[in-house]
Amino acid sequence: MPTLLVERLEDGVIVLTLNRPKQQNAMNHELAVSIASAFREISSDPTARCVVLRGSGKHFCSGADLTEAANGDWYSQTR
Protein backbone atom coordinates (compact mmCIF):
# COMPACT_ATOMS: atom_id res chain seq x y z
CA MET A 1 0.00 0.00 0.00
CA PRO A 2 1.48 3.40 -0.97
CA THR A 3 2.28 5.75 1.92
CA LEU A 4 1.32 8.79 -0.16
CA LEU A 5 -1.72 9.05 -2.41
CA VAL A 6 -1.66 11.64 -5.21
CA GLU A 7 -4.91 12.77 -6.74
CA ARG A 8 -5.15 15.33 -9.53
CA LEU A 9 -8.45 17.20 -9.59
CA GLU A 10 -9.74 19.78 -12.04
CA ASP A 11 -8.34 23.28 -12.36
CA GLY A 12 -4.82 22.33 -11.28
CA VAL A 13 -5.71 21.14 -7.78
CA ILE A 14 -3.53 18.30 -6.48
CA VAL A 15 -4.39 16.43 -3.28
CA LEU A 16 -1.59 14.63 -1.43
CA THR A 17 -2.87 12.24 1.25
CA LEU A 18 -0.59 10.81 3.92
CA ASN A 19 -1.62 7.16 3.94
CA ARG A 20 -0.44 5.52 7.16
CA PRO A 21 -3.66 5.71 9.21
CA LYS A 22 -2.75 2.85 11.58
CA GLN A 23 0.38 4.80 12.56
CA GLN A 24 -1.57 8.10 12.75
CA ASN A 25 0.22 9.09 9.53
CA ALA A 26 3.56 9.30 11.36
CA MET A 27 6.37 10.39 9.06
CA ASN A 28 8.80 7.63 8.15
CA HIS A 29 11.57 7.51 5.55
CA GLU A 30 9.35 6.17 2.76
CA LEU A 31 6.67 8.82 3.32
CA ALA A 32 9.22 11.66 3.53
CA VAL A 33 10.83 10.55 0.26
CA SER A 34 7.42 10.25 -1.41
CA ILE A 35 6.39 13.75 -0.33
CA ALA A 36 9.68 15.27 -1.50
CA SER A 37 9.37 13.49 -4.85
CA ALA A 38 5.76 14.61 -5.29
CA PHE A 39 6.63 18.25 -4.59
CA ARG A 40 9.57 18.12 -7.03
CA GLU A 41 7.22 16.80 -9.72
CA ILE A 42 4.50 19.34 -8.89
CA SER A 43 6.96 22.26 -8.94
CA SER A 44 7.74 21.55 -12.59
CA ASP A 45 4.07 21.20 -13.57
CA PRO A 46 2.81 24.47 -15.09
CA THR A 47 -0.81 23.35 -14.70
CA ALA A 48 -0.55 22.92 -10.90
CA ARG A 49 -2.28 25.76 -9.06
CA CYS A 50 -2.93 24.41 -5.57
CA VAL A 51 -1.72 21.55 -3.38
CA VAL A 52 -3.84 20.18 -0.54
CA LEU A 53 -1.94 18.11 2.02
CA ARG A 54 -4.12 15.90 4.22
CA GLY A 55 -4.00 12.74 6.28
CA SER A 56 -6.06 9.60 5.89
CA GLY A 57 -8.12 8.41 8.83
CA LYS A 58 -8.69 10.48 11.97
CA HIS A 59 -5.28 12.16 12.16
CA PHE A 60 -3.33 14.52 9.95
CA CYS A 61 0.19 13.57 11.08
CA SER A 62 1.43 12.63 14.53
CA GLY A 63 5.03 13.65 13.70
CA ALA A 64 8.06 11.46 13.19
CA ASP A 65 7.70 7.69 13.40
CA LEU A 66 9.85 7.21 16.49
CA THR A 67 10.17 3.45 16.03
CA GLU A 68 11.91 4.02 12.70
CA ALA A 69 13.80 7.12 13.86
CA ALA A 70 15.29 5.14 16.76
CA ASN A 71 17.00 2.88 14.23
CA GLY A 72 18.90 5.72 12.53
CA ASP A 73 18.70 9.26 11.31
CA TRP A 74 16.22 8.74 8.44
CA TYR A 75 15.43 12.45 8.14
CA SER A 76 18.91 13.37 6.91
CA GLN A 77 18.66 10.60 4.30
CA THR A 78 15.62 12.26 2.68
CA ARG A 79 17.26 15.62 1.96
C-alpha atoms as a PDB file:
ATOM      1  CA  MET A   1       0.000   0.000   0.000  1.00  0.00           C
ATOM      2  CA  PRO A   2       1.478   3.399  -0.966  1.00  0.00           C
ATOM      3  CA  THR A   3       2.284   5.749   1.915  1.00  0.00           C
ATOM      4  CA  LEU A   4       1.315   8.794  -0.157  1.00  0.00           C
ATOM      5  CA  LEU A   5      -1.720   9.046  -2.407  1.00  0.00           C
ATOM      6  CA  VAL A   6      -1.656  11.637  -5.205  1.00  0.00           C
ATOM      7  CA  GLU A   7      -4.908  12.775  -6.743  1.00  0.00           C
ATOM      8  CA  ARG A   8      -5.149  15.335  -9.526  1.00  0.00           C
ATOM      9  CA  LEU A   9      -8.449  17.198  -9.592  1.00  0.00           C
ATOM     10  CA  GLU A  10      -9.735  19.783 -12.044  1.00  0.00           C
ATOM     11  CA  ASP A  11      -8.336  23.282 -12.363  1.00  0.00           C
ATOM     12  CA  GLY A  12      -4.822  22.329 -11.280  1.00  0.00           C
ATOM     13  CA  VAL A  13      -5.713  21.142  -7.783  1.00  0.00           C
ATOM     14  CA  ILE A  14      -3.534  18.303  -6.478  1.00  0.00           C
ATOM     15  CA  VAL A  15      -4.389  16.427  -3.277  1.00  0.00           C
ATOM     16  CA  LEU A  16      -1.594  14.629  -1.428  1.00  0.00           C
ATOM     17  CA  THR A  17      -2.874  12.239   1.246  1.00  0.00           C
ATOM     18  CA  LEU A  18      -0.588  10.809   3.920  1.00  0.00           C
ATOM     19  CA  ASN A  19      -1.618   7.156   3.935  1.00  0.00           C
ATOM     20  CA  ARG A  20      -0.445   5.523   7.165  1.00  0.00           C
ATOM     21  CA  PRO A  21      -3.656   5.706   9.208  1.00  0.00           C
ATOM     22  CA  LYS A  22      -2.751   2.848  11.576  1.00  0.00           C
ATOM     23  CA  GLN A  23       0.381   4.803  12.562  1.00  0.00           C
ATOM     24  CA  GLN A  24      -1.574   8.098  12.746  1.00  0.00           C
ATOM     25  CA  ASN A  25       0.225   9.088   9.528  1.00  0.00           C
ATOM     26  CA  ALA A  26       3.558   9.303  11.360  1.00  0.00           C
ATOM     27  CA  MET A  27       6.367  10.390   9.058  1.00  0.00           C
ATOM     28  CA  ASN A  28       8.805   7.627   8.145  1.00  0.00           C
ATOM     29  CA  HIS A  29      11.570   7.511   5.554  1.00  0.00           C
ATOM     30  CA  GLU A  30       9.347   6.172   2.763  1.00  0.00           C
ATOM     31  CA  LEU A  31       6.673   8.820   3.321  1.00  0.00           C
ATOM     32  CA  ALA A  32       9.215  11.657   3.528  1.00  0.00           C
ATOM     33  CA  VAL A  33      10.834  10.549   0.257  1.00  0.00           C
ATOM     34  CA  SER A  34       7.417  10.247  -1.414  1.00  0.00           C
ATOM     35  CA  ILE A  35       6.394  13.751  -0.327  1.00  0.00           C
ATOM     36  CA  ALA A  36       9.684  15.274  -1.499  1.00  0.00           C
ATOM     37  CA  SER A  37       9.368  13.489  -4.847  1.00  0.00           C
ATOM     38  CA  ALA A  38       5.756  14.610  -5.288  1.00  0.00           C
ATOM     39  CA  PHE A  39       6.633  18.250  -4.594  1.00  0.00           C
ATOM     40  CA  ARG A  40       9.570  18.123  -7.031  1.00  0.00           C
ATOM     41  CA  GLU A  41       7.221  16.804  -9.722  1.00  0.00           C
ATOM     42  CA  ILE A  42       4.504  19.337  -8.888  1.00  0.00           C
ATOM     43  CA  SER A  43       6.960  22.257  -8.941  1.00  0.00           C
ATOM     44  CA  SER A  44       7.743  21.553 -12.586  1.00  0.00           C
ATOM     45  CA  ASP A  45       4.067  21.195 -13.568  1.00  0.00           C
ATOM     46  CA  PRO A  46       2.813  24.472 -15.087  1.00  0.00           C
ATOM     47  CA  THR A  47      -0.814  23.354 -14.698  1.00  0.00           C
ATOM     48  CA  ALA A  48      -0.547  22.922 -10.897  1.00  0.00           C
ATOM     49  CA  ARG A  49      -2.277  25.760  -9.060  1.00  0.00           C
ATOM     50  CA  CYS A  50      -2.933  24.414  -5.566  1.00  0.00           C
ATOM     51  CA  VAL A  51      -1.718  21.554  -3.375  1.00  0.00           C
ATOM     52  CA  VAL A  52      -3.836  20.180  -0.537  1.00  0.00           C
ATOM     53  CA  LEU A  53      -1.944  18.113   2.019  1.00  0.00           C
ATOM     54  CA  ARG A  54      -4.119  15.900   4.216  1.00  0.00           C
ATOM     55  CA  GLY A  55      -4.000  12.744   6.283  1.00  0.00           C
ATOM     56  CA  SER A  56      -6.061   9.597   5.893  1.00  0.00           C
ATOM     57  CA  GLY A  57      -8.124   8.412   8.828  1.00  0.00           C
ATOM     58  CA  LYS A  58      -8.686  10.477  11.966  1.00  0.00           C
ATOM     59  CA  HIS A  59      -5.276  12.160  12.165  1.00  0.00           C
ATOM     60  CA  PHE A  60      -3.332  14.522   9.953  1.00  0.00           C
ATOM     61  CA  CYS A  61       0.194  13.566  11.082  1.00  0.00           C
ATOM     62  CA  SER A  62       1.430  12.635  14.529  1.00  0.00           C
ATOM     63  CA  GLY A  63       5.027  13.647  13.705  1.00  0.00           C
ATOM     64  CA  ALA A  64       8.056  11.456  13.194  1.00  0.00           C
ATOM     65  CA  ASP A  65       7.704   7.690  13.395  1.00  0.00           C
ATOM     66  CA  LEU A  66       9.847   7.211  16.486  1.00  0.00           C
ATOM     67  CA  THR A  67      10.170   3.451  16.027  1.00  0.00           C
ATOM     68  CA  GLU A  68      11.913   4.016  12.700  1.00  0.00           C
ATOM     69  CA  ALA A  69      13.797   7.124  13.860  1.00  0.00           C
ATOM     70  CA  ALA A  70      15.286   5.142  16.764  1.00  0.00           C
ATOM     71  CA  ASN A  71      16.999   2.880  14.227  1.00  0.00           C
ATOM     72  CA  GLY A  72      18.896   5.720  12.533  1.00  0.00           C
ATOM     73  CA  ASP A  73      18.695   9.260  11.308  1.00  0.00           C
ATOM     74  CA  TRP A  74      16.221   8.739   8.444  1.00  0.00           C
ATOM     75  CA  TYR A  75      15.432  12.453   8.137  1.00  0.00           C
ATOM     76  CA  SER A  76      18.908  13.372   6.910  1.00  0.00           C
ATOM     77  CA  GLN A  77      18.658  10.604   4.297  1.00  0.00           C
ATOM     78  CA  THR A  78      15.616  12.263   2.681  1.00  0.00           C
ATOM     79  CA  ARG A  79      17.260  15.616   1.959  1.00  0.00           C
END
